[in-house]
Amino acid sequence: MIMIILISVTIVLILTSIKIYLSNQIYYESKKVNNMQREVSALKAEKALLQQHIEALKFKNRVTDTIFSIDNTDN
């Protein structure tokens, strides 16, 4: 009878330790995923800002080229 109880307790301890290990691994992996998601969202925001900056530079370049060509026709 005592042997059955000891085996049962051992099995419960093994299963509990496995559950704790897996829970910890899931927690740490989810932390990594959250960090990556934050980095992705930050990079997407930076990409949008850079695209706006590029568009502003393109517009400025077009306006400057137009003004330069107007100045050249006056001569």
Protein backbone atom coordinates (compact mmCIF):
# COMPACT_ATOMS: atom_id res chain seq x y z
CA MET A 1 0.00 0.00 0.00
CA ILE A 2 2.78 2.41 0.90
CA MET A 3 4.57 1.48 -2.32
CA ILE A 4 1.52 2.46 -4.38
CA ILE A 5 1.30 5.80 -2.56
CA LEU A 6 5.01 6.47 -3.15
CA ILE A 7 4.71 5.62 -6.83
CA SER A 8 1.63 7.84 -7.12
CA VAL A 9 3.38 10.75 -5.40
CA THR A 10 6.43 10.26 -7.63
CA ILE A 11 4.29 10.29 -10.76
CA VAL A 12 2.47 13.41 -9.58
CA LEU A 13 5.78 15.15 -8.83
CA ILE A 14 7.20 14.23 -12.22
CA LEU A 15 4.10 15.45 -14.04
CA THR A 16 4.01 18.64 -11.99
CA SER A 17 7.66 19.38 -12.68
CA ILE A 18 7.09 18.81 -16.40
CA LYS A 19 4.13 21.18 -16.33
CA ILE A 20 6.16 23.84 -14.51
CA TYR A 21 9.04 23.47 -16.97
CA LEU A 22 6.74 23.77 -19.98
CA SER A 23 4.93 26.76 -18.48
CA ASN A 24 8.24 28.52 -17.93
CA GLN A 25 9.38 27.78 -21.47
CA ILE A 26 6.11 29.12 -22.88
CA TYR A 27 6.45 32.25 -20.75
CA TYR A 28 10.00 32.97 -21.95
CA GLU A 29 9.10 32.29 -25.57
CA SER A 30 6.11 34.63 -25.31
CA LYS A 31 8.43 37.32 -23.91
CA LYS A 32 10.65 36.89 -26.97
CA VAL A 33 7.63 37.10 -29.27
CA ASN A 34 6.41 40.27 -27.53
CA ASN A 35 9.84 41.87 -27.93
CA MET A 36 9.89 40.96 -31.61
CA GLN A 37 6.37 42.33 -32.11
CA ARG A 38 7.38 45.62 -30.47
CA GLU A 39 10.44 45.81 -32.71
CA VAL A 40 8.32 45.10 -35.79
CA SER A 41 5.82 47.82 -34.91
CA ALA A 42 8.65 50.29 -34.22
CA LEU A 43 10.27 49.44 -37.54
CA LYS A 44 6.95 49.85 -39.36
CA ALA A 45 6.50 53.28 -37.80
CA GLU A 46 10.06 54.21 -38.75
CA LYS A 47 9.42 52.98 -42.30
CA ALA A 48 6.35 55.20 -42.56
CA LEU A 49 8.32 58.21 -41.32
CA LEU A 50 11.12 57.51 -43.78
CA GLN A 51 8.64 57.17 -46.65
CA GLN A 52 7.11 60.52 -45.73
CA HIS A 53 10.58 62.05 -45.63
CA ILE A 54 11.37 60.57 -49.05
CA GLU A 55 8.15 61.96 -50.50
CA ALA A 56 8.95 65.40 -49.05
CA LEU A 57 12.43 65.27 -50.59
CA LYS A 58 11.00 64.18 -53.96
CA PHE A 59 8.51 67.06 -53.88
CA LYS A 60 11.24 69.51 -52.91
CA ASN A 61 13.43 68.20 -55.72
CA ARG A 62 10.62 68.60 -58.27
CA VAL A 63 9.92 72.14 -57.12
CA THR A 64 13.62 73.03 -57.20
CA ASP A 65 14.00 71.53 -60.69
CA THR A 66 10.99 73.52 -61.88
CA ILE A 67 12.34 76.76 -60.43
CA PHE A 68 15.78 76.03 -61.93
CA SER A 69 14.30 75.40 -65.37
CA ILE A 70 12.24 78.63 -65.12
CA ASP A 71 15.40 80.58 -64.21
CA ASN A 72 17.26 79.11 -67.18
CA THR A 73 14.55 80.14 -69.65
CA ASP A 74 14.78 83.77 -68.46
CA ASN A 75 18.39 84.05 -69.67
